[in-house]
Amino acid sequence: MTWLVETRALTRRFGGLTAVDGVDFTLPEGDIRALIGPNGAGKTTLVSLLCGRVAPSEGRVIFDGRDITGMPAHRRVDLGIAYTFQITSVFANLSVHDNVALAAQRHAAGDALRRETAALLEKVGLAGRADVLARELAYGHQRLLELAMGLALKPRLLILDEPTQGLSDGEIEGFVALVRDVAAQATVLLIEHNMDVVMQLAQTITVMDRGRIIAEGTPDAIRANAAVQAAYLGAPADG
């Protein structure tokens, strides 16, 4: 199989802490993959290594057959890797419209830029807030704005770090539908603690703990894994 993303013995150390420990990870094109695990498991560090925000201590990152280990983050965006952060990174003093337009201008200009920006705001449910400054949005709406900015980059790989944090139940329902729609055009890698969202969306779940992958499989397989149940899903393990 040809992988869209592949890592080989990927490792990141911070002083005496090994946040990602020799990880071999593969992601096929078109997958909706959930990455789960407790706080400190290494999930955000792993995706930061994929998108180039953090350099590895050892190992390799391969995207669509190309070794991108030493490639800076902005070049990876050009290849089609978009990452929405665990902590929102919108331009607080710009309008909602202008935040999305800045991202969309990589691919569009003039009337096409205006149409695309409007369509993206409609898609994420922020069309009525286009002229509002980003800093005035509720936290959950800032998350939706950041998602629109990620989609504006027309990614091949969209990495979402805790995207439902701060969203209402109704907004989460809309988010799930949106990701299913996005998955027709992009591979999705999702870090998410809301297990209802994970089980609804993920085709495959990768479980990390202490910097390593400890389990991987379909939602049903992960749900049936006693060790995973005990550690992450709140059910007791036998023995």
C-alpha atoms as a PDB file:
ATOM      1  CA  MET A   1       0.000   0.000   0.000  1.00  0.00           C
ATOM      2  CA  THR A   2       1.103   3.560  -0.718  1.00  0.00           C
ATOM      3  CA  TRP A   3       0.866   5.694   2.406  1.00  0.00           C
ATOM      4  CA  LEU A   4       0.053   9.394   2.388  1.00  0.00           C
ATOM      5  CA  VAL A   5       1.938   9.714   5.694  1.00  0.00           C
ATOM      6  CA  GLU A   6       4.608   7.432   7.066  1.00  0.00           C
ATOM      7  CA  THR A   7       6.990   7.832   9.984  1.00  0.00           C
ATOM      8  CA  ARG A   8       9.982   5.634  10.673  1.00  0.00           C
ATOM      9  CA  ALA A   9      11.405   5.376  14.183  1.00  0.00           C
ATOM     10  CA  LEU A  10      10.258   8.944  14.803  1.00  0.00           C
ATOM     11  CA  THR A  11      11.557  10.280  18.103  1.00  0.00           C
ATOM     12  CA  ARG A  12      11.444  13.627  19.896  1.00  0.00           C
ATOM     13  CA  ARG A  13      13.201  14.334  23.168  1.00  0.00           C
ATOM     14  CA  PHE A  14      12.833  17.415  25.321  1.00  0.00           C
ATOM     15  CA  GLY A  15      15.769  17.259  27.708  1.00  0.00           C
ATOM     16  CA  GLY A  16      15.316  14.063  29.673  1.00  0.00           C
ATOM     17  CA  LEU A  17      11.722  13.547  28.471  1.00  0.00           C
ATOM     18  CA  THR A  18      11.058  11.381  25.420  1.00  0.00           C
ATOM     19  CA  ALA A  19       7.718  12.704  24.159  1.00  0.00           C
ATOM     20  CA  VAL A  20       7.639  10.539  21.011  1.00  0.00           C
ATOM     21  CA  ASP A  21       9.574   7.300  21.234  1.00  0.00           C
ATOM     22  CA  GLY A  22      10.522   5.488  18.018  1.00  0.00           C
ATOM     23  CA  VAL A  23       7.078   5.732  16.429  1.00  0.00           C
ATOM     24  CA  ASP A  24       6.311   3.908  13.178  1.00  0.00           C
ATOM     25  CA  PHE A  25       3.021   5.386  11.980  1.00  0.00           C
ATOM     26  CA  THR A  26       1.206   5.005   8.657  1.00  0.00           C
ATOM     27  CA  LEU A  27      -1.835   6.786   7.287  1.00  0.00           C
ATOM     28  CA  PRO A  28      -3.442   5.931   3.936  1.00  0.00           C
ATOM     29  CA  GLU A  29      -4.982   8.599   1.759  1.00  0.00           C
ATOM     30  CA  GLY A  30      -8.715   9.062   2.365  1.00  0.00           C
ATOM     31  CA  ASP A  31      -8.708   7.795   5.957  1.00  0.00           C
ATOM     32  CA  ILE A  32     -10.344   9.508   8.914  1.00  0.00           C
ATOM     33  CA  ARG A  33      -7.884   8.603  11.659  1.00  0.00           C
ATOM     34  CA  ALA A  34      -8.335   9.354  15.347  1.00  0.00           C
ATOM     35  CA  LEU A  35      -5.294   9.648  17.591  1.00  0.00           C
ATOM     36  CA  ILE A  36      -6.190   9.107  21.248  1.00  0.00           C
ATOM     37  CA  GLY A  37      -4.444   8.681  24.567  1.00  0.00           C
ATOM     38  CA  PRO A  38      -4.099  10.355  27.961  1.00  0.00           C
ATOM     39  CA  ASN A  39      -2.624  13.795  28.492  1.00  0.00           C
ATOM     40  CA  GLY A  40       1.126  13.600  27.975  1.00  0.00           C
ATOM     41  CA  ALA A  41       0.899  10.563  25.682  1.00  0.00           C
ATOM     42  CA  GLY A  42       2.735  12.386  22.879  1.00  0.00           C
ATOM     43  CA  LYS A  43      -0.172  13.000  20.512  1.00  0.00           C
ATOM     44  CA  THR A  44       0.341  16.718  19.931  1.00  0.00           C
ATOM     45  CA  THR A  45       4.108  16.271  19.667  1.00  0.00           C
ATOM     46  CA  LEU A  46       3.594  13.589  17.019  1.00  0.00           C
ATOM     47  CA  VAL A  47       1.379  15.778  14.846  1.00  0.00           C
ATOM     48  CA  SER A  48       3.730  18.721  15.407  1.00  0.00           C
ATOM     49  CA  LEU A  49       6.487  16.540  13.957  1.00  0.00           C
ATOM     50  CA  LEU A  50       4.273  15.743  10.970  1.00  0.00           C
ATOM     51  CA  CYS A  51       3.507  19.376  10.188  1.00  0.00           C
ATOM     52  CA  GLY A  52       7.028  20.676  10.845  1.00  0.00           C
ATOM     53  CA  ARG A  53       6.424  22.771  13.951  1.00  0.00           C
ATOM     54  CA  VAL A  54       8.847  20.531  15.857  1.00  0.00           C
ATOM     55  CA  ALA A  55      12.011  18.897  14.517  1.00  0.00           C
ATOM     56  CA  PRO A  56      12.655  15.234  15.327  1.00  0.00           C
ATOM     57  CA  SER A  57      15.544  14.073  17.465  1.00  0.00           C
ATOM     58  CA  GLU A  58      15.694  10.934  15.325  1.00  0.00           C
ATOM     59  CA  GLY A  59      13.701   9.239  12.586  1.00  0.00           C
ATOM     60  CA  ARG A  60      11.983  10.256   9.380  1.00  0.00           C
ATOM     61  CA  VAL A  61       8.704  11.751   8.155  1.00  0.00           C
ATOM     62  CA  ILE A  62       7.533  10.782   4.660  1.00  0.00           C
ATOM     63  CA  PHE A  63       4.608  12.442   2.892  1.00  0.00           C
ATOM     64  CA  ASP A  64       3.248  10.932  -0.330  1.00  0.00           C
ATOM     65  CA  GLY A  65       6.507   9.038  -0.837  1.00  0.00           C
ATOM     66  CA  ARG A  66       8.717  12.101  -0.258  1.00  0.00           C
ATOM     67  CA  ASP A  67      11.057  12.474   2.710  1.00  0.00           C
ATOM     68  CA  ILE A  68      10.071  15.797   4.327  1.00  0.00           C
ATOM     69  CA  THR A  69      11.947  15.325   7.618  1.00  0.00           C
ATOM     70  CA  GLY A  70      13.994  18.512   7.222  1.00  0.00           C
ATOM     71  CA  MET A  71      11.332  20.548   5.442  1.00  0.00           C
ATOM     72  CA  PRO A  72      10.088  23.715   7.220  1.00  0.00           C
ATOM     73  CA  ALA A  73       6.437  24.055   8.206  1.00  0.00           C
ATOM     74  CA  HIS A  74       5.500  26.592   5.504  1.00  0.00           C
ATOM     75  CA  ARG A  75       6.768  24.272   2.784  1.00  0.00           C
ATOM     76  CA  ARG A  76       4.669  21.462   4.190  1.00  0.00           C
ATOM     77  CA  VAL A  77       1.609  23.699   3.934  1.00  0.00           C
ATOM     78  CA  ASP A  78       2.443  24.093   0.240  1.00  0.00           C
ATOM     79  CA  LEU A  79       2.453  20.293  -0.072  1.00  0.00           C
ATOM     80  CA  GLY A  80      -1.031  20.164   1.437  1.00  0.00           C
ATOM     81  CA  ILE A  81      -0.545  19.637   5.188  1.00  0.00           C
ATOM     82  CA  ALA A  82      -2.836  21.861   7.297  1.00  0.00           C
ATOM     83  CA  TYR A  83      -2.902  21.832  11.100  1.00  0.00           C
ATOM     84  CA  THR A  84      -5.462  23.449  13.395  1.00  0.00           C
ATOM     85  CA  PHE A  85      -3.968  23.960  16.825  1.00  0.00           C
ATOM     86  CA  GLN A  86      -5.100  22.742  20.232  1.00  0.00           C
ATOM     87  CA  ILE A  87      -4.962  26.408  21.289  1.00  0.00           C
ATOM     88  CA  THR A  88      -6.634  28.692  18.749  1.00  0.00           C
ATOM     89  CA  SER A  89      -4.269  30.637  16.501  1.00  0.00           C
ATOM     90  CA  VAL A  90      -6.571  33.062  14.701  1.00  0.00           C
ATOM     91  CA  PHE A  91      -5.657  36.693  14.004  1.00  0.00           C
ATOM     92  CA  ALA A  92      -7.529  38.286  16.889  1.00  0.00           C
ATOM     93  CA  ASN A  93      -7.671  41.828  15.522  1.00  0.00           C
ATOM     94  CA  LEU A  94      -8.876  40.868  12.056  1.00  0.00           C
ATOM     95  CA  SER A  95     -12.454  40.115  11.082  1.00  0.00           C
ATOM     96  CA  VAL A  96     -13.701  36.573  10.676  1.00  0.00           C
ATOM     97  CA  HIS A  97     -13.885  37.187   6.928  1.00  0.00           C
ATOM     98  CA  ASP A  98     -10.319  38.470   6.695  1.00  0.00           C
ATOM     99  CA  ASN A  99      -8.908  35.547   8.689  1.00  0.00           C
ATOM    100  CA  VAL A 100     -10.319  33.094   6.166  1.00  0.00           C
ATOM    101  CA  ALA A 101      -9.448  35.277   3.173  1.00  0.00           C
ATOM    102  CA  LEU A 102      -5.798  35.387   4.242  1.00  0.00           C
ATOM    103  CA  ALA A 103      -5.652  31.592   4.127  1.00  0.00           C
ATOM    104  CA  ALA A 104      -7.701  31.302   0.932  1.00  0.00           C
ATOM    105  CA  GLN A 105      -5.523  33.755  -1.004  1.00  0.00           C
ATOM    106  CA  ARG A 106      -2.952  30.995  -1.472  1.00  0.00           C
ATOM    107  CA  HIS A 107      -5.348  29.553  -4.066  1.00  0.00           C
ATOM    108  CA  ALA A 108      -7.702  32.347  -5.119  1.00  0.00           C
ATOM    109  CA  ALA A 109      -7.867  36.076  -5.844  1.00  0.00           C
ATOM    110  CA  GLY A 110     -10.439  38.742  -6.654  1.00  0.00           C
ATOM    111  CA  ASP A 111     -14.018  37.542  -7.075  1.00  0.00           C
ATOM    112  CA  ALA A 112     -12.966  33.908  -6.681  1.00  0.00           C
ATOM    113  CA  LEU A 113     -11.404  34.742  -3.313  1.00  0.00           C
ATOM    114  CA  ARG A 114     -14.579  36.453  -2.124  1.00  0.00           C
ATOM    115  CA  ARG A 115     -16.749  33.539  -3.253  1.00  0.00           C
ATOM    116  CA  GLU A 116     -14.509  30.947  -1.645  1.00  0.00           C
ATOM    117  CA  THR A 117     -14.284  32.858   1.635  1.00  0.00           C
ATOM    118  CA  ALA A 118     -18.065  33.229   1.789  1.00  0.00           C
ATOM    119  CA  ALA A 119     -18.570  29.540   0.999  1.00  0.00           C
ATOM    120  CA  LEU A 120     -16.160  28.443   3.726  1.00  0.00           C
ATOM    121  CA  LEU A 121     -17.827  30.656   6.323  1.00  0.00           C
ATOM    122  CA  GLU A 122     -21.185  29.211   5.313  1.00  0.00           C
ATOM    123  CA  LYS A 123     -19.807  25.676   5.569  1.00  0.00           C
ATOM    124  CA  VAL A 124     -18.620  26.118   9.171  1.00  0.00           C
ATOM    125  CA  GLY A 125     -21.679  28.111  10.271  1.00  0.00           C
ATOM    126  CA  LEU A 126     -20.044  31.531  10.602  1.00  0.00           C
ATOM    127  CA  ALA A 127     -21.570  33.333   7.616  1.00  0.00           C
ATOM    128  CA  GLY A 128     -23.503  35.647   9.922  1.00  0.00           C
ATOM    129  CA  ARG A 129     -20.338  36.614  11.820  1.00  0.00           C
ATOM    130  CA  ALA A 130     -18.158  37.590   8.857  1.00  0.00           C
ATOM    131  CA  ASP A 131     -17.603  41.195   9.982  1.00  0.00           C
ATOM    132  CA  VAL A 132     -17.002  40.373  13.649  1.00  0.00           C
ATOM    133  CA  LEU A 133     -13.442  40.629  14.966  1.00  0.00           C
ATOM    134  CA  ALA A 134     -12.038  37.183  15.695  1.00  0.00           C
ATOM    135  CA  ARG A 135     -11.264  38.165  19.288  1.00  0.00           C
ATOM    136  CA  GLU A 136     -14.969  38.811  19.890  1.00  0.00           C
ATOM    137  CA  LEU A 137     -16.002  35.279  18.986  1.00  0.00           C
ATOM    138  CA  ALA A 138     -16.802  32.722  21.659  1.00  0.00           C
ATOM    139  CA  TYR A 139     -14.047  30.137  22.055  1.00  0.00           C
ATOM    140  CA  GLY A 140     -16.020  27.439  20.227  1.00  0.00           C
ATOM    141  CA  HIS A 141     -16.610  29.766  17.294  1.00  0.00           C
ATOM    142  CA  GLN A 142     -12.904  30.551  17.171  1.00  0.00           C
ATOM    143  CA  ARG A 143     -12.349  26.817  16.752  1.00  0.00           C
ATOM    144  CA  LEU A 144     -14.781  26.803  13.818  1.00  0.00           C
ATOM    145  CA  LEU A 145     -13.000  29.816  12.330  1.00  0.00           C
ATOM    146  CA  GLU A 146      -9.682  28.014  12.560  1.00  0.00           C
ATOM    147  CA  LEU A 147     -11.248  25.023  10.814  1.00  0.00           C
ATOM    148  CA  ALA A 148     -12.412  27.291   7.980  1.00  0.00           C
ATOM    149  CA  MET A 149      -8.864  28.659   7.715  1.00  0.00           C
ATOM    150  CA  GLY A 150      -7.510  25.121   7.493  1.00  0.00           C
ATOM    151  CA  LEU A 151      -9.999  24.179   4.783  1.00  0.00           C
ATOM    152  CA  ALA A 152      -9.075  27.336   2.855  1.00  0.00           C
ATOM    153  CA  LEU A 153      -5.604  25.855   2.319  1.00  0.00           C
ATOM    154  CA  LYS A 154      -7.196  23.015   0.290  1.00  0.00           C
ATOM    155  CA  PRO A 155      -5.243  20.406   2.251  1.00  0.00           C
ATOM    156  CA  ARG A 156      -4.523  16.838   1.308  1.00  0.00           C
ATOM    157  CA  LEU A 157      -4.012  16.161   5.027  1.00  0.00           C
ATOM    158  CA  LEU A 158      -6.059  18.077   7.603  1.00  0.00           C
ATOM    159  CA  ILE A 159      -4.828  17.659  11.191  1.00  0.00           C
ATOM    160  CA  LEU A 160      -7.343  18.684  13.853  1.00  0.00           C
ATOM    161  CA  ASP A 161      -6.139  18.993  17.464  1.00  0.00           C
ATOM    162  CA  GLU A 162      -9.032  18.906  19.965  1.00  0.00           C
ATOM    163  CA  PRO A 163     -11.431  20.552  17.465  1.00  0.00           C
ATOM    164  CA  THR A 164     -14.631  20.038  19.482  1.00  0.00           C
ATOM    165  CA  GLN A 165     -13.298  21.662  22.650  1.00  0.00           C
ATOM    166  CA  GLY A 166     -15.651  24.513  23.560  1.00  0.00           C
ATOM    167  CA  LEU A 167     -18.375  23.501  21.094  1.00  0.00           C
ATOM    168  CA  SER A 168     -21.997  23.003  22.142  1.00  0.00           C
ATOM    169  CA  ASP A 169     -23.734  19.686  21.510  1.00  0.00           C
ATOM    170  CA  GLY A 170     -25.431  21.143  18.431  1.00  0.00           C
ATOM    171  CA  GLU A 171     -22.136  22.504  17.103  1.00  0.00           C
ATOM    172  CA  ILE A 172     -20.466  19.138  17.687  1.00  0.00           C
ATOM    173  CA  GLU A 173     -23.187  17.465  15.618  1.00  0.00           C
ATOM    174  CA  GLY A 174     -22.543  19.954  12.826  1.00  0.00           C
ATOM    175  CA  PHE A 175     -18.789  19.405  13.138  1.00  0.00           C
ATOM    176  CA  VAL A 176     -19.166  15.634  12.711  1.00  0.00           C
ATOM    177  CA  ALA A 177     -21.186  16.160   9.531  1.00  0.00           C
ATOM    178  CA  LEU A 178     -18.614  18.681   8.282  1.00  0.00           C
ATOM    179  CA  VAL A 179     -15.660  16.339   8.786  1.00  0.00           C
ATOM    180  CA  ARG A 180     -17.460  13.592   6.900  1.00  0.00           C
ATOM    181  CA  ASP A 181     -17.942  16.050   4.059  1.00  0.00           C
ATOM    182  CA  VAL A 182     -14.300  17.181   4.193  1.00  0.00           C
ATOM    183  CA  ALA A 183     -13.105  13.569   4.090  1.00  0.00           C
ATOM    184  CA  ALA A 184     -14.311  13.302   0.499  1.00  0.00           C
ATOM    185  CA  GLN A 185     -11.474  15.654  -0.471  1.00  0.00           C
ATOM    186  CA  ALA A 186      -8.840  15.289   2.280  1.00  0.00           C
ATOM    187  CA  THR A 187      -7.361  12.774   4.669  1.00  0.00           C
ATOM    188  CA  VAL A 188      -8.214  13.696   8.268  1.00  0.00           C
ATOM    189  CA  LEU A 189      -6.066  13.082  11.357  1.00  0.00           C
ATOM    190  CA  LEU A 190      -8.002  13.918  14.505  1.00  0.00           C
ATOM    191  CA  ILE A 191      -6.776  14.280  18.085  1.00  0.00           C
ATOM    192  CA  GLU A 192      -9.912  14.156  20.186  1.00  0.00           C
ATOM    193  CA  HIS A 193     -10.876  13.333  23.791  1.00  0.00           C
ATOM    194  CA  ASN A 194     -14.617  13.190  23.062  1.00  0.00           C
ATOM    195  CA  MET A 195     -14.995   9.457  22.505  1.00  0.00           C
ATOM    196  CA  ASP A 196     -18.484   9.809  21.054  1.00  0.00           C
ATOM    197  CA  VAL A 197     -16.980  11.951  18.281  1.00  0.00           C
ATOM    198  CA  VAL A 198     -14.088   9.513  17.810  1.00  0.00           C
ATOM    199  CA  MET A 199     -16.384   6.499  17.510  1.00  0.00           C
ATOM    200  CA  GLN A 200     -18.696   8.311  15.082  1.00  0.00           C
ATOM    201  CA  LEU A 201     -15.951   9.582  12.784  1.00  0.00           C
ATOM    202  CA  ALA A 202     -12.870   7.401  12.854  1.00  0.00           C
ATOM    203  CA  GLN A 203     -12.288   4.624  10.356  1.00  0.00           C
ATOM    204  CA  THR A 204      -9.152   3.697  12.304  1.00  0.00           C
ATOM    205  CA  ILE A 205      -8.054   4.636  15.834  1.00  0.00           C
ATOM    206  CA  THR A 206      -4.413   4.882  16.908  1.00  0.00           C
ATOM    207  CA  VAL A 207      -3.790   4.790  20.663  1.00  0.00           C
ATOM    208  CA  MET A 208      -0.679   6.372  22.201  1.00  0.00           C
ATOM    209  CA  ASP A 209       0.735   6.183  25.708  1.00  0.00           C
ATOM    210  CA  ARG A 210       4.095   7.429  26.980  1.00  0.00           C
ATOM    211  CA  GLY A 211       5.266   8.375  23.512  1.00  0.00           C
ATOM    212  CA  ARG A 212       4.509   5.051  21.877  1.00  0.00           C
ATOM    213  CA  ILE A 213       1.678   3.528  19.853  1.00  0.00           C
ATOM    214  CA  ILE A 214       0.147   0.800  22.005  1.00  0.00           C
ATOM    215  CA  ALA A 215      -2.869  -0.180  19.889  1.00  0.00           C
ATOM    216  CA  GLU A 216      -4.402   0.478  16.492  1.00  0.00           C
ATOM    217  CA  GLY A 217      -7.550  -0.741  14.797  1.00  0.00           C
ATOM    218  CA  THR A 218     -11.160  -0.119  13.921  1.00  0.00           C
ATOM    219  CA  PRO A 219     -13.441   1.523  16.497  1.00  0.00           C
ATOM    220  CA  ASP A 220     -14.948  -1.895  17.276  1.00  0.00           C
ATOM    221  CA  ALA A 221     -11.501  -3.429  17.795  1.00  0.00           C
ATOM    222  CA  ILE A 222     -10.370  -0.585  20.040  1.00  0.00           C
ATOM    223  CA  ARG A 223     -13.629  -0.703  21.983  1.00  0.00           C
ATOM    224  CA  ALA A 224     -13.038  -4.419  22.582  1.00  0.00           C
ATOM    225  CA  ASN A 225      -9.403  -3.983  23.637  1.00  0.00           C
ATOM    226  CA  ALA A 226      -9.397  -4.494  27.414  1.00  0.00           C
ATOM    227  CA  ALA A 227      -6.233  -2.492  28.056  1.00  0.00           C
ATOM    228  CA  VAL A 228      -7.495   0.436  26.003  1.00  0.00           C
ATOM    229  CA  GLN A 229     -10.858   0.284  27.749  1.00  0.00           C
ATOM    230  CA  ALA A 230      -9.168   0.435  31.112  1.00  0.00           C
ATOM    231  CA  ALA A 231      -6.808   3.271  30.216  1.00  0.00           C
ATOM    232  CA  TYR A 232      -8.936   5.509  27.987  1.00  0.00           C
ATOM    233  CA  LEU A 233     -12.556   4.468  27.816  1.00  0.00           C
ATOM    234  CA  GLY A 234     -13.202   4.064  31.519  1.00  0.00           C
ATOM    235  CA  ALA A 235     -14.037   0.351  31.572  1.00  0.00           C
ATOM    236  CA  PRO A 236     -12.260  -2.186  33.782  1.00  0.00           C
ATOM    237  CA  ALA A 237      -9.829  -4.627  32.228  1.00  0.00           C
ATOM    238  CA  ASP A 238     -10.018  -8.335  33.076  1.00  0.00           C
ATOM    239  CA  GLY A 239      -7.392  -9.340  35.614  1.00  0.00           C
END
